[in-house]
PDB file of N, CA and C in Angstrom:
ATOM      1  N   MET A   1      -5.322  -1.565 -11.105  1.00  0.00           N
ATOM      2  CA  MET A   1      -3.981  -1.704 -10.449  1.00  0.00           C
ATOM      3  C   MET A   1      -3.995  -3.096  -9.587  1.00  0.00           C
ATOM      4  N   CYS A   2      -2.862  -3.825  -9.569  1.00  0.00           N
ATOM      5  CA  CYS A   2      -2.680  -4.868  -8.776  1.00  0.00           C
ATOM      6  C   CYS A   2      -1.197  -4.973  -8.322  1.00  0.00           C
ATOM      7  N   TYR A   3      -0.995  -5.503  -7.176  1.00  0.00           N
ATOM      8  CA  TYR A   3       0.429  -5.572  -6.582  1.00  0.00           C
ATOM      9  C   TYR A   3       0.586  -6.875  -6.026  1.00  0.00           C
ATOM     10  N   PHE A   4       1.568  -7.586  -6.198  1.00  0.00           N
ATOM     11  CA  PHE A   4       2.031  -8.764  -5.303  1.00  0.00           C
ATOM     12  C   PHE A   4       3.164  -8.434  -4.376  1.00  0.00           C
ATOM     13  N   GLY A   5       3.050  -8.985  -3.143  1.00  0.00           N
ATOM     14  CA  GLY A   5       4.169  -8.858  -2.383  1.00  0.00           C
ATOM     15  C   GLY A   5       4.244  -9.837  -1.344  1.00  0.00           C
ATOM     16  N   GLU A   6       5.246 -10.027  -0.520  1.00  0.00           N
ATOM     17  CA  GLU A   6       5.332 -10.991   0.512  1.00  0.00           C
ATOM     18  C   GLU A   6       5.468 -10.301   1.843  1.00  0.00           C
ATOM     19  N   SER A   7       4.780 -10.885   2.744  1.00  0.00           N
ATOM     20  CA  SER A   7       4.857 -10.400   4.116  1.00  0.00           C
ATOM     21  C   SER A   7       4.447 -11.517   5.116  1.00  0.00           C
ATOM     22  N   GLN A   8       5.323 -11.616   6.153  1.00  0.00           N
ATOM     23  CA  GLN A   8       4.972 -12.604   7.269  1.00  0.00           C
ATOM     24  C   GLN A   8       5.003 -14.012   6.731  1.00  0.00           C
ATOM     25  N   GLY A   9       5.743 -14.282   5.644  1.00  0.00           N
ATOM     26  CA  GLY A   9       5.807 -15.627   5.025  1.00  0.00           C
ATOM     27  C   GLY A   9       4.656 -16.002   4.087  1.00  0.00           C
ATOM     28  N   GLN A  10       3.872 -14.922   3.776  1.00  0.00           N
ATOM     29  CA  GLN A  10       2.662 -15.275   2.996  1.00  0.00           C
ATOM     30  C   GLN A  10       2.749 -14.391   1.759  1.00  0.00           C
ATOM     31  N   LEU A  11       2.310 -14.909   0.626  1.00  0.00           N
ATOM     32  CA  LEU A  11       2.078 -14.170  -0.606  1.00  0.00           C
ATOM     33  C   LEU A  11       0.811 -13.280  -0.379  1.00  0.00           C
ATOM     34  N   HIS A  12       0.985 -11.952  -0.838  1.00  0.00           N
ATOM     35  CA  HIS A  12      -0.197 -11.072  -0.639  1.00  0.00           C
ATOM     36  C   HIS A  12      -0.441 -10.489  -2.093  1.00  0.00           C
ATOM     37  N   TYR A  13      -1.773 -10.177  -2.187  1.00  0.00           N
ATOM     38  CA  TYR A  13      -2.243  -9.591  -3.523  1.00  0.00           C
ATOM     39  C   TYR A  13      -2.988  -8.387  -3.112  1.00  0.00           C
ATOM     40  N   MET A  14      -2.781  -7.289  -3.721  1.00  0.00           N
ATOM     41  CA  MET A  14      -3.557  -5.922  -3.447  1.00  0.00           C
ATOM     42  C   MET A  14      -4.183  -5.700  -4.784  1.00  0.00           C
ATOM     43  N   SER A  15      -5.641  -5.441  -4.693  1.00  0.00           N
ATOM     44  CA  SER A  15      -6.238  -4.998  -5.867  1.00  0.00           C
ATOM     45  C   SER A  15      -6.992  -3.669  -5.498  1.00  0.00           C
ATOM     46  N   GLN A  16      -7.180  -2.895  -6.698  1.00  0.00           N
ATOM     47  CA  GLN A  16      -7.888  -1.535  -6.410  1.00  0.00           C
ATOM     48  C   GLN A  16      -8.963  -1.451  -7.294  1.00  0.00           C
ATOM     49  N   ASN A  17     -10.157  -0.867  -6.812  1.00  0.00           N
ATOM     50  CA  ASN A  17     -11.286  -0.737  -7.651  1.00  0.00           C
ATOM     51  C   ASN A  17     -11.911   0.675  -7.170  1.00  0.00           C
ATOM     52  N   GLY A  18     -12.748   1.176  -8.122  1.00  0.00           N
ATOM     53  CA  GLY A  18     -13.507   2.411  -7.823  1.00  0.00           C
ATOM     54  C   GLY A  18     -13.356   3.373  -9.000  1.00  0.00           C
ATOM     55  N   SER A  19     -13.951   4.450  -8.790  1.00  0.00           N
ATOM     56  CA  SER A  19     -13.894   5.454  -9.979  1.00  0.00           C
ATOM     57  C   SER A  19     -14.325   6.815  -9.414  1.00  0.00           C
ATOM     58  N   LYS A  20     -14.115   7.935 -10.231  1.00  0.00           N
ATOM     59  CA  LYS A  20     -14.451   9.325  -9.817  1.00  0.00           C
ATOM     60  C   LYS A  20     -13.899   9.787  -8.491  1.00  0.00           C
ATOM     61  N   GLY A  21     -12.596   9.465  -8.264  1.00  0.00           N
ATOM     62  CA  GLY A  21     -12.020   9.941  -7.095  1.00  0.00           C
ATOM     63  C   GLY A  21     -12.149   9.143  -5.820  1.00  0.00           C
ATOM     64  N   LYS A  22     -12.938   8.173  -5.721  1.00  0.00           N
ATOM     65  CA  LYS A  22     -13.001   7.303  -4.682  1.00  0.00           C
ATOM     66  C   LYS A  22     -12.570   5.886  -5.022  1.00  0.00           C
ATOM     67  N   TYR A  23     -11.399   5.317  -4.389  1.00  0.00           N
ATOM     68  CA  TYR A  23     -10.920   4.132  -4.678  1.00  0.00           C
ATOM     69  C   TYR A  23     -10.797   3.266  -3.455  1.00  0.00           C
ATOM     70  N   ASN A  24     -10.945   2.056  -3.563  1.00  0.00           N
ATOM     71  CA  ASN A  24     -10.789   1.104  -2.558  1.00  0.00           C
ATOM     72  C   ASN A  24      -9.485   0.195  -2.846  1.00  0.00           C
ATOM     73  N   LEU A  25      -8.720  -0.119  -1.846  1.00  0.00           N
ATOM     74  CA  LEU A  25      -7.748  -1.009  -1.923  1.00  0.00           C
ATOM     75  C   LEU A  25      -8.047  -2.209  -1.086  1.00  0.00           C
ATOM     76  N   SER A  26      -7.961  -3.430  -1.578  1.00  0.00           N
ATOM     77  CA  SER A  26      -8.264  -4.724  -0.862  1.00  0.00           C
ATOM     78  C   SER A  26      -6.984  -5.429  -0.884  1.00  0.00           C
ATOM     79  N   VAL A  27      -6.558  -5.998   0.383  1.00  0.00           N
ATOM     80  CA  VAL A  27      -5.376  -6.677   0.651  1.00  0.00           C
ATOM     81  C   VAL A  27      -5.777  -8.208   0.973  1.00  0.00           C
ATOM     82  N   TRP A  28      -5.280  -9.148   0.053  1.00  0.00           N
ATOM     83  CA  TRP A  28      -5.468 -10.621   0.343  1.00  0.00           C
ATOM     84  C   TRP A  28      -4.256 -11.266   0.434  1.00  0.00           C
ATOM     85  N   ALA A  29      -4.403 -12.265   1.434  1.00  0.00           N
ATOM     86  CA  ALA A  29      -3.260 -13.242   1.718  1.00  0.00           C
ATOM     87  C   ALA A  29      -3.602 -14.618   1.269  1.00  0.00           C
ATOM     88  N   LEU A  30      -2.505 -15.334   0.721  1.00  0.00           N
ATOM     89  CA  LEU A  30      -2.657 -16.748   0.339  1.00  0.00           C
ATOM     90  C   LEU A  30      -2.395 -17.541   1.598  1.00  0.00           C
ATOM     91  N   GLN A  31      -3.591 -17.988   2.182  1.00  0.00           N
ATOM     92  CA  GLN A  31      -3.588 -18.752   3.418  1.00  0.00           C
ATOM     93  C   GLN A  31      -3.079 -20.107   3.356  1.00  0.00           C
ATOM     94  N   ASP A  32      -3.651 -20.789   2.282  1.00  0.00           N
ATOM     95  CA  ASP A  32      -3.293 -22.207   2.161  1.00  0.00           C
ATOM     96  C   ASP A  32      -2.842 -22.322   0.661  1.00  0.00           C
ATOM     97  N   TYR A  33      -1.545 -22.664   0.528  1.00  0.00           N
ATOM     98  CA  TYR A  33      -1.045 -22.826  -0.868  1.00  0.00           C
ATOM     99  C   TYR A  33      -1.571 -23.920  -1.567  1.00  0.00           C
ATOM    100  N   ASP A  34      -1.839 -25.034  -0.883  1.00  0.00           N
ATOM    101  CA  ASP A  34      -2.255 -26.187  -1.568  1.00  0.00           C
ATOM    102  C   ASP A  34      -3.675 -26.150  -1.995  1.00  0.00           C
ATOM    103  N   ALA A  35      -4.610 -25.502  -1.214  1.00  0.00           N
ATOM    104  CA  ALA A  35      -6.072 -25.224  -1.522  1.00  0.00           C
ATOM    105  C   ALA A  35      -6.194 -24.047  -2.249  1.00  0.00           C
ATOM    106  N   GLN A  36      -5.159 -23.255  -2.492  1.00  0.00           N
ATOM    107  CA  GLN A  36      -5.223 -22.021  -3.082  1.00  0.00           C
ATOM    108  C   GLN A  36      -6.297 -21.010  -2.573  1.00  0.00           C
ATOM    109  N   GLU A  37      -6.235 -21.003  -1.101  1.00  0.00           N
ATOM    110  CA  GLU A  37      -7.353 -20.221  -0.390  1.00  0.00           C
ATOM    111  C   GLU A  37      -6.775 -18.887  -0.071  1.00  0.00           C
ATOM    112  N   TRP A  38      -7.450 -17.840  -0.533  1.00  0.00           N
ATOM    113  CA  TRP A  38      -7.085 -16.489  -0.434  1.00  0.00           C
ATOM    114  C   TRP A  38      -8.093 -15.779   0.742  1.00  0.00           C
ATOM    115  N   VAL A  39      -7.410 -15.121   1.633  1.00  0.00           N
ATOM    116  CA  VAL A  39      -8.219 -14.606   2.717  1.00  0.00           C
ATOM    117  C   VAL A  39      -8.065 -13.129   2.730  1.00  0.00           C
ATOM    118  N   LEU A  40      -9.127 -12.414   2.787  1.00  0.00           N
ATOM    119  CA  LEU A  40      -9.207 -10.924   2.727  1.00  0.00           C
ATOM    120  C   LEU A  40      -8.626 -10.447   4.136  1.00  0.00           C
ATOM    121  N   LYS A  41      -7.546  -9.729   4.071  1.00  0.00           N
ATOM    122  CA  LYS A  41      -6.930  -9.152   5.283  1.00  0.00           C
ATOM    123  C   LYS A  41      -7.461  -7.710   5.635  1.00  0.00           C
ATOM    124  N   GLY A  42      -7.934  -6.985   4.585  1.00  0.00           N
ATOM    125  CA  GLY A  42      -8.390  -5.713   4.991  1.00  0.00           C
ATOM    126  C   GLY A  42      -8.772  -4.919   3.699  1.00  0.00           C
ATOM    127  N   THR A  43      -9.593  -3.958   3.814  1.00  0.00           N
ATOM    128  CA  THR A  43      -9.936  -3.040   2.778  1.00  0.00           C
ATOM    129  C   THR A  43      -9.964  -1.502   3.266  1.00  0.00           C
ATOM    130  N   VAL A  44      -9.320  -0.708   2.511  1.00  0.00           N
ATOM    131  CA  VAL A  44      -9.230   0.734   2.970  1.00  0.00           C
ATOM    132  C   VAL A  44      -9.568   1.573   1.720  1.00  0.00           C
ATOM    133  N   ASN A  45     -10.158   2.764   2.043  1.00  0.00           N
ATOM    134  CA  ASN A  45     -10.330   3.648   0.860  1.00  0.00           C
ATOM    135  C   ASN A  45      -9.430   4.848   0.932  1.00  0.00           C
ATOM    136  N   ASN A  46      -9.206   5.507  -0.149  1.00  0.00           N
ATOM    137  CA  ASN A  46      -8.368   6.705  -0.175  1.00  0.00           C
ATOM    138  C   ASN A  46      -8.821   7.808   0.797  1.00  0.00           C
ATOM    139  N   TYR A  47     -10.086   7.933   0.977  1.00  0.00           N
ATOM    140  CA  TYR A  47     -10.593   8.969   2.001  1.00  0.00           C
ATOM    141  C   TYR A  47      -9.870   8.692   3.353  1.00  0.00           C
ATOM    142  N   GLU A  48      -9.801   7.431   3.767  1.00  0.00           N
ATOM    143  CA  GLU A  48      -9.392   7.064   5.120  1.00  0.00           C
ATOM    144  C   GLU A  48      -7.864   7.290   5.177  1.00  0.00           C
ATOM    145  N   VAL A  49      -7.174   7.038   4.025  1.00  0.00           N
ATOM    146  CA  VAL A  49      -5.710   7.158   4.179  1.00  0.00           C
ATOM    147  C   VAL A  49      -5.207   8.517   3.891  1.00  0.00           C
ATOM    148  N   PHE A  50      -5.757   9.228   2.827  1.00  0.00           N
ATOM    149  CA  PHE A  50      -5.292  10.560   2.399  1.00  0.00           C
ATOM    150  C   PHE A  50      -6.190  11.690   2.747  1.00  0.00           C
ATOM    151  N   GLY A  51      -7.386  11.515   3.154  1.00  0.00           N
ATOM    152  CA  GLY A  51      -8.322  12.630   3.412  1.00  0.00           C
ATOM    153  C   GLY A  51      -9.155  12.850   2.207  1.00  0.00           C
ATOM    154  N   GLU A  52     -10.335  13.657   2.516  1.00  0.00           N
ATOM    155  CA  GLU A  52     -11.184  13.899   1.335  1.00  0.00           C
ATOM    156  C   GLU A  52     -10.537  14.834   0.354  1.00  0.00           C
ATOM    157  N   ASP A  53      -9.714  15.690   0.683  1.00  0.00           N
ATOM    158  CA  ASP A  53      -9.088  16.620  -0.229  1.00  0.00           C
ATOM    159  C   ASP A  53      -8.272  15.816  -1.381  1.00  0.00           C
ATOM    160  N   SER A  54      -7.915  14.653  -1.028  1.00  0.00           N
ATOM    161  CA  SER A  54      -7.184  13.972  -2.055  1.00  0.00           C
ATOM    162  C   SER A  54      -7.926  13.475  -3.254  1.00  0.00           C
ATOM    163  N   CYS A  55      -9.332  13.505  -3.030  1.00  0.00           N
ATOM    164  CA  CYS A  55     -10.258  12.984  -4.056  1.00  0.00           C
ATOM    165  C   CYS A  55     -10.867  14.042  -4.897  1.00  0.00           C
ATOM    166  N   ILE A  56     -10.429  15.196  -4.747  1.00  0.00           N
ATOM    167  CA  ILE A  56     -11.052  16.389  -5.531  1.00  0.00           C
ATOM    168  C   ILE A  56     -10.892  16.268  -6.965  1.00  0.00           C
ATOM    169  N   ASP A  57      -9.714  15.959  -7.386  1.00  0.00           N
ATOM    170  CA  ASP A  57      -9.254  16.081  -8.885  1.00  0.00           C
ATOM    171  C   ASP A  57      -9.445  14.726  -9.738  1.00  0.00           C
ATOM    172  N   GLY A  58      -9.966  13.650  -8.843  1.00  0.00           N
ATOM    173  CA  GLY A  58     -10.215  12.310  -9.558  1.00  0.00           C
ATOM    174  C   GLY A  58      -8.939  11.396  -9.896  1.00  0.00           C
ATOM    175  N   THR A  59      -7.843  11.851  -9.393  1.00  0.00           N
ATOM    176  CA  THR A  59      -6.494  11.170  -9.668  1.00  0.00           C
ATOM    177  C   THR A  59      -5.983  10.586  -8.363  1.00  0.00           C
ATOM    178  N   SER A  60      -6.869  10.284  -7.502  1.00  0.00           N
ATOM    179  CA  SER A  60      -6.415   9.779  -6.144  1.00  0.00           C
ATOM    180  C   SER A  60      -6.184   8.378  -5.962  1.00  0.00           C
ATOM    181  N   GLU A  61      -5.932   7.454  -7.046  1.00  0.00           N
ATOM    182  CA  GLU A  61      -5.682   6.110  -6.964  1.00  0.00           C
ATOM    183  C   GLU A  61      -4.457   5.774  -6.063  1.00  0.00           C
ATOM    184  N   PHE A  62      -4.420   4.720  -5.454  1.00  0.00           N
ATOM    185  CA  PHE A  62      -3.317   4.316  -4.597  1.00  0.00           C
ATOM    186  C   PHE A  62      -2.157   3.969  -5.508  1.00  0.00           C
ATOM    187  N   GLU A  63      -0.906   4.364  -5.026  1.00  0.00           N
ATOM    188  CA  GLU A  63       0.337   4.072  -5.693  1.00  0.00           C
ATOM    189  C   GLU A  63       1.054   3.186  -4.696  1.00  0.00           C
ATOM    190  N   VAL A  64       0.854   1.875  -4.744  1.00  0.00           N
ATOM    191  CA  VAL A  64       1.478   1.051  -3.694  1.00  0.00           C
ATOM    192  C   VAL A  64       2.996   0.931  -4.118  1.00  0.00           C
ATOM    193  N   VAL A  65       3.793   1.122  -3.055  1.00  0.00           N
ATOM    194  CA  VAL A  65       5.206   1.066  -3.260  1.00  0.00           C
ATOM    195  C   VAL A  65       5.844  -0.325  -2.782  1.00  0.00           C
ATOM    196  N   ASP A  66       5.120  -0.840  -1.529  1.00  0.00           N
ATOM    197  CA  ASP A  66       5.646  -2.152  -0.980  1.00  0.00           C
ATOM    198  C   ASP A  66       4.923  -2.424   0.291  1.00  0.00           C
ATOM    199  N   MET A  67       5.096  -3.656   0.758  1.00  0.00           N
ATOM    200  CA  MET A  67       4.428  -4.058   2.030  1.00  0.00           C
ATOM    201  C   MET A  67       5.766  -4.281   3.013  1.00  0.00           C
ATOM    202  N   HIS A  68       5.457  -4.134   4.214  1.00  0.00           N
ATOM    203  CA  HIS A  68       6.433  -4.488   5.298  1.00  0.00           C
ATOM    204  C   HIS A  68       6.515  -6.006   5.333  1.00  0.00           C
ATOM    205  N   GLN A  69       7.768  -6.483   5.556  1.00  0.00           N
ATOM    206  CA  GLN A  69       8.043  -7.864   5.555  1.00  0.00           C
ATOM    207  C   GLN A  69       7.492  -8.593   6.798  1.00  0.00           C
ATOM    208  N   ASP A  70       7.353  -7.920   7.935  1.00  0.00           N
ATOM    209  CA  ASP A  70       7.041  -8.457   9.149  1.00  0.00           C
ATOM    210  C   ASP A  70       5.699  -8.105   9.822  1.00  0.00           C
ATOM    211  N   CYS A  71       5.003  -7.086   9.274  1.00  0.00           N
ATOM    212  CA  CYS A  71       3.769  -6.754   9.893  1.00  0.00           C
ATOM    213  C   CYS A  71       2.675  -6.356   8.587  1.00  0.00           C
ATOM    214  N   ASP A  72       1.408  -5.925   9.091  1.00  0.00           N
ATOM    215  CA  ASP A  72       0.428  -5.564   8.098  1.00  0.00           C
ATOM    216  C   ASP A  72       0.550  -4.076   7.765  1.00  0.00           C
ATOM    217  N   VAL A  73       1.619  -3.622   7.206  1.00  0.00           N
ATOM    218  CA  VAL A  73       1.852  -2.232   6.900  1.00  0.00           C
ATOM    219  C   VAL A  73       2.124  -2.171   5.426  1.00  0.00           C
ATOM    220  N   VAL A  74       1.390  -1.310   4.683  1.00  0.00           N
ATOM    221  CA  VAL A  74       1.419  -1.091   3.259  1.00  0.00           C
ATOM    222  C   VAL A  74       2.045   0.322   3.025  1.00  0.00           C
ATOM    223  N   PHE A  75       2.915   0.395   2.109  1.00  0.00           N
ATOM    224  CA  PHE A  75       3.543   1.735   1.829  1.00  0.00           C
ATOM    225  C   PHE A  75       3.044   2.249   0.500  1.00  0.00           C
ATOM    226  N   PHE A  76       2.655   3.508   0.551  1.00  0.00           N
ATOM    227  CA  PHE A  76       2.045   4.314  -0.610  1.00  0.00           C
ATOM    228  C   PHE A  76       2.778   5.435  -0.776  1.00  0.00           C
ATOM    229  N   THR A  77       2.558   6.065  -2.052  1.00  0.00           N
ATOM    230  CA  THR A  77       2.922   7.522  -2.306  1.00  0.00           C
ATOM    231  C   THR A  77       1.578   8.227  -2.314  1.00  0.00           C
ATOM    232  N   CYS A  78       1.619   9.457  -1.872  1.00  0.00           N
ATOM    233  CA  CYS A  78       0.594  10.339  -1.794  1.00  0.00           C
ATOM    234  C   CYS A  78       0.096  10.627  -3.181  1.00  0.00           C
ATOM    235  N   PRO A  79      -1.268  10.567  -3.590  1.00  0.00           N
ATOM    236  CA  PRO A  79      -1.699  10.737  -4.908  1.00  0.00           C
ATOM    237  C   PRO A  79      -1.517  12.172  -5.445  1.00  0.00           C
ATOM    238  N   LEU A  80      -1.525  13.212  -4.706  1.00  0.00           N
ATOM    239  CA  LEU A  80      -1.375  14.558  -5.118  1.00  0.00           C
ATOM    240  C   LEU A  80       0.096  15.059  -5.158  1.00  0.00           C
ATOM    241  N   GLN A  81       0.845  14.362  -4.355  1.00  0.00           N
ATOM    242  CA  GLN A  81       2.329  14.787  -4.117  1.00  0.00           C
ATOM    243  C   GLN A  81       3.008  13.543  -4.082  1.00  0.00           C
ATOM    244  N   ARG A  82       3.492  12.940  -5.185  1.00  0.00           N
ATOM    245  CA  ARG A  82       4.152  11.701  -5.151  1.00  0.00           C
ATOM    246  C   ARG A  82       5.593  11.690  -4.580  1.00  0.00           C
ATOM    247  N   SER A  83       5.925  12.819  -4.012  1.00  0.00           N
ATOM    248  CA  SER A  83       7.212  13.004  -3.360  1.00  0.00           C
ATOM    249  C   SER A  83       7.089  12.617  -1.843  1.00  0.00           C
ATOM    250  N   SER A  84       5.808  12.147  -1.380  1.00  0.00           N
ATOM    251  CA  SER A  84       5.617  11.824   0.031  1.00  0.00           C
ATOM    252  C   SER A  84       5.313  10.346   0.115  1.00  0.00           C
ATOM    253  N   LEU A  85       6.082   9.656   0.825  1.00  0.00           N
ATOM    254  CA  LEU A  85       5.857   8.199   1.165  1.00  0.00           C
ATOM    255  C   LEU A  85       5.012   8.054   2.457  1.00  0.00           C
ATOM    256  N   VAL A  86       4.054   7.243   2.251  1.00  0.00           N
ATOM    257  CA  VAL A  86       3.012   7.097   3.523  1.00  0.00           C
ATOM    258  C   VAL A  86       3.020   5.612   3.828  1.00  0.00           C
ATOM    259  N   ALA A  87       2.898   5.419   5.169  1.00  0.00           N
ATOM    260  CA  ALA A  87       2.704   3.935   5.650  1.00  0.00           C
ATOM    261  C   ALA A  87       1.332   3.860   6.191  1.00  0.00           C
ATOM    262  N   TYR A  88       0.618   2.882   5.879  1.00  0.00           N
ATOM    263  CA  TYR A  88      -0.783   2.584   6.422  1.00  0.00           C
ATOM    264  C   TYR A  88      -0.749   1.173   7.067  1.00  0.00           C
ATOM    265  N   ASP A  89      -0.989   1.214   8.505  1.00  0.00           N
ATOM    266  CA  ASP A  89      -1.026   0.010   9.438  1.00  0.00           C
ATOM    267  C   ASP A  89      -2.452  -0.463   9.316  1.00  0.00           C
ATOM    268  N   MET A  90      -2.552  -1.706   8.748  1.00  0.00           N
ATOM    269  CA  MET A  90      -4.014  -2.235   8.483  1.00  0.00           C
ATOM    270  C   MET A  90      -4.582  -2.647   9.915  1.00  0.00           C
ATOM    271  N   ASP A  91      -3.704  -3.038  10.950  1.00  0.00           N
ATOM    272  CA  ASP A  91      -4.129  -3.396  12.198  1.00  0.00           C
ATOM    273  C   ASP A  91      -4.751  -2.126  13.099  1.00  0.00           C
ATOM    274  N   SER A  92      -3.917  -1.141  13.129  1.00  0.00           N
ATOM    275  CA  SER A  92      -4.259   0.013  13.960  1.00  0.00           C
ATOM    276  C   SER A  92      -5.175   1.016  13.141  1.00  0.00           C
ATOM    277  N   LYS A  93      -5.071   0.954  11.774  1.00  0.00           N
ATOM    278  CA  LYS A  93      -5.704   1.959  10.835  1.00  0.00           C
ATOM    279  C   LYS A  93      -5.029   3.268  10.909  1.00  0.00           C
ATOM    280  N   GLU A  94      -3.671   3.288  11.333  1.00  0.00           N
ATOM    281  CA  GLU A  94      -2.994   4.512  11.479  1.00  0.00           C
ATOM    282  C   GLU A  94      -2.295   4.933  10.143  1.00  0.00           C
ATOM    283  N   VAL A  95      -2.197   6.127   9.746  1.00  0.00           N
ATOM    284  CA  VAL A  95      -1.491   6.632   8.588  1.00  0.00           C
ATOM    285  C   VAL A  95      -0.325   7.428   9.071  1.00  0.00           C
ATOM    286  N   SER A  96       0.918   7.220   8.568  1.00  0.00           N
ATOM    287  CA  SER A  96       2.114   7.975   8.900  1.00  0.00           C
ATOM    288  C   SER A  96       2.858   8.394   7.691  1.00  0.00           C
ATOM    289  N   VAL A  97       3.293   9.612   7.573  1.00  0.00           N
ATOM    290  CA  VAL A  97       4.154  10.083   6.548  1.00  0.00           C
ATOM    291  C   VAL A  97       5.529   9.633   6.829  1.00  0.00           C
ATOM    292  N   ILE A  98       6.193   8.758   6.140  1.00  0.00           N
ATOM    293  CA  ILE A  98       7.437   8.219   6.438  1.00  0.00           C
ATOM    294  C   ILE A  98       8.631   9.245   5.873  1.00  0.00           C
ATOM    295  N   ALA A  99       8.399   9.824   4.684  1.00  0.00           N
ATOM    296  CA  ALA A  99       9.406  10.631   4.110  1.00  0.00           C
ATOM    297  C   ALA A  99       8.804  11.589   3.174  1.00  0.00           C
ATOM    298  N   THR A 100       9.317  12.786   3.057  1.00  0.00           N
ATOM    299  CA  THR A 100       8.835  13.744   1.966  1.00  0.00           C
ATOM    300  C   THR A 100      10.277  14.383   1.352  1.00  0.00           C
ATOM    301  N   LEU A 101      10.301  14.105   0.104  1.00  0.00           N
ATOM    302  CA  LEU A 101      11.404  14.721  -0.732  1.00  0.00           C
ATOM    303  C   LEU A 101      11.138  16.080  -1.285  1.00  0.00           C
ATOM    304  N   ASP A 102      11.865  17.239  -0.672  1.00  0.00           N
ATOM    305  CA  ASP A 102      11.423  18.528  -1.066  1.00  0.00           C
ATOM    306  C   ASP A 102      11.859  18.845  -2.482  1.00  0.00           C
ATOM    307  N   ASP A 103      12.725  18.019  -3.181  1.00  0.00           N
ATOM    308  CA  ASP A 103      13.139  18.349  -4.544  1.00  0.00           C
ATOM    309  C   ASP A 103      12.150  17.789  -5.580  1.00  0.00           C
ATOM    310  N   GLY A 104      11.111  17.254  -5.165  1.00  0.00           N
ATOM    311  CA  GLY A 104       9.883  16.824  -6.092  1.00  0.00           C
ATOM    312  C   GLY A 104      10.178  15.481  -6.740  1.00  0.00           C
ATOM    313  N   THR A 105      11.110  14.827  -6.182  1.00  0.00           N
ATOM    314  CA  THR A 105      11.439  13.365  -6.769  1.00  0.00           C
ATOM    315  C   THR A 105      10.231  12.422  -6.608  1.00  0.00           C
ATOM    316  N   ASP A 106       9.899  11.605  -7.578  1.00  0.00           N
ATOM    317  CA  ASP A 106       8.907  10.779  -7.601  1.00  0.00           C
ATOM    318  C   ASP A 106       9.180   9.434  -7.018  1.00  0.00           C
ATOM    319  N   LEU A 107       8.647   9.145  -5.787  1.00  0.00           N
ATOM    320  CA  LEU A 107       8.982   8.038  -5.053  1.00  0.00           C
ATOM    321  C   LEU A 107       8.444   6.693  -5.477  1.00  0.00           C
ATOM    322  N   THR A 108       7.711   6.701  -6.709  1.00  0.00           N
ATOM    323  CA  THR A 108       7.162   5.522  -7.143  1.00  0.00           C
ATOM    324  C   THR A 108       8.239   4.576  -7.837  1.00  0.00           C
ATOM    325  N   ASP A 109       9.514   5.173  -8.188  1.00  0.00           N
ATOM    326  CA  ASP A 109      10.520   4.359  -8.692  1.00  0.00           C
ATOM    327  C   ASP A 109      11.488   4.102  -7.412  1.00  0.00           C
ATOM    328  N   THR A 110      11.218   3.101  -6.658  1.00  0.00           N
ATOM    329  CA  THR A 110      12.009   2.744  -5.633  1.00  0.00           C
ATOM    330  C   THR A 110      12.430   1.234  -5.563  1.00  0.00           C
ATOM    331  N   ALA A 111      13.432   0.966  -4.769  1.00  0.00           N
ATOM    332  CA  ALA A 111      13.881  -0.397  -4.689  1.00  0.00           C
ATOM    333  C   ALA A 111      13.596  -0.888  -3.304  1.00  0.00           C
ATOM    334  N   ARG A 112      13.204  -2.054  -3.174  1.00  0.00           N
ATOM    335  CA  ARG A 112      12.834  -2.739  -1.919  1.00  0.00           C
ATOM    336  C   ARG A 112      14.189  -3.030  -1.178  1.00  0.00           C
ATOM    337  N   TYR A 113      14.103  -2.729   0.187  1.00  0.00           N
ATOM    338  CA  TYR A 113      15.358  -3.129   1.051  1.00  0.00           C
ATOM    339  C   TYR A 113      15.087  -4.596   1.487  1.00  0.00           C
ATOM    340  N   VAL A 114      15.933  -5.423   1.322  1.00  0.00           N
ATOM    341  CA  VAL A 114      15.809  -6.873   1.852  1.00  0.00           C
ATOM    342  C   VAL A 114      17.071  -7.030   2.700  1.00  0.00           C
ATOM    343  N   PRO A 115      16.815  -7.374   3.923  1.00  0.00           N
ATOM    344  CA  PRO A 115      17.993  -7.622   4.885  1.00  0.00           C
ATOM    345  C   PRO A 115      18.628  -8.931   4.433  1.00  0.00           C
ATOM    346  N   CYS A 116      19.832  -9.033   4.603  1.00  0.00           N
ATOM    347  CA  CYS A 116      20.607 -10.319   4.347  1.00  0.00           C
ATOM    348  C   CYS A 116      21.240 -10.807   5.694  1.00  0.00           C
ATOM    349  N   TRP A 117      20.893 -11.904   6.111  1.00  0.00           N
ATOM    350  CA  TRP A 117      21.286 -12.427   7.313  1.00  0.00           C
ATOM    351  C   TRP A 117      22.365 -13.492   7.118  1.00  0.00           C
ATOM    352  N   PHE A 118      23.683 -13.315   7.630  1.00  0.00           N
ATOM    353  CA  PHE A 118      24.656 -14.275   7.461  1.00  0.00           C
ATOM    354  C   PHE A 118      24.869 -15.113   8.712  1.00  0.00           C
ATOM    355  N   SER A 119      25.082 -16.387   8.513  1.00  0.00           N
ATOM    356  CA  SER A 119      25.236 -17.157   9.726  1.00  0.00           C
ATOM    357  C   SER A 119      26.753 -17.516   9.885  1.00  0.00           C
TER     358      SER A 119
END
């Protein structure tokens, strides 16, 4: 799995690796466009974000939804219950459940909100 996004004016690339229930997500930022220099911003595993119970059935890969435009926050869906939207703050290492839809709707089909500023 890989995902490209934009945050804080930089292109970001997220890659996932692992197997048998334990997965790591690495977040890279393109620091220098001319030199094509990618800098590792952070790595997190699914145990840290979702807890050990999420790794029991082996289907606990990250389902990245988006990145926050202004800070180091990545949005995921919960691997066992894709109707929960989770935010992971890479700076503080905090996990927050943003939304849970009781009707079982899959949150992986979402649209990104982009504010439009008129002058």
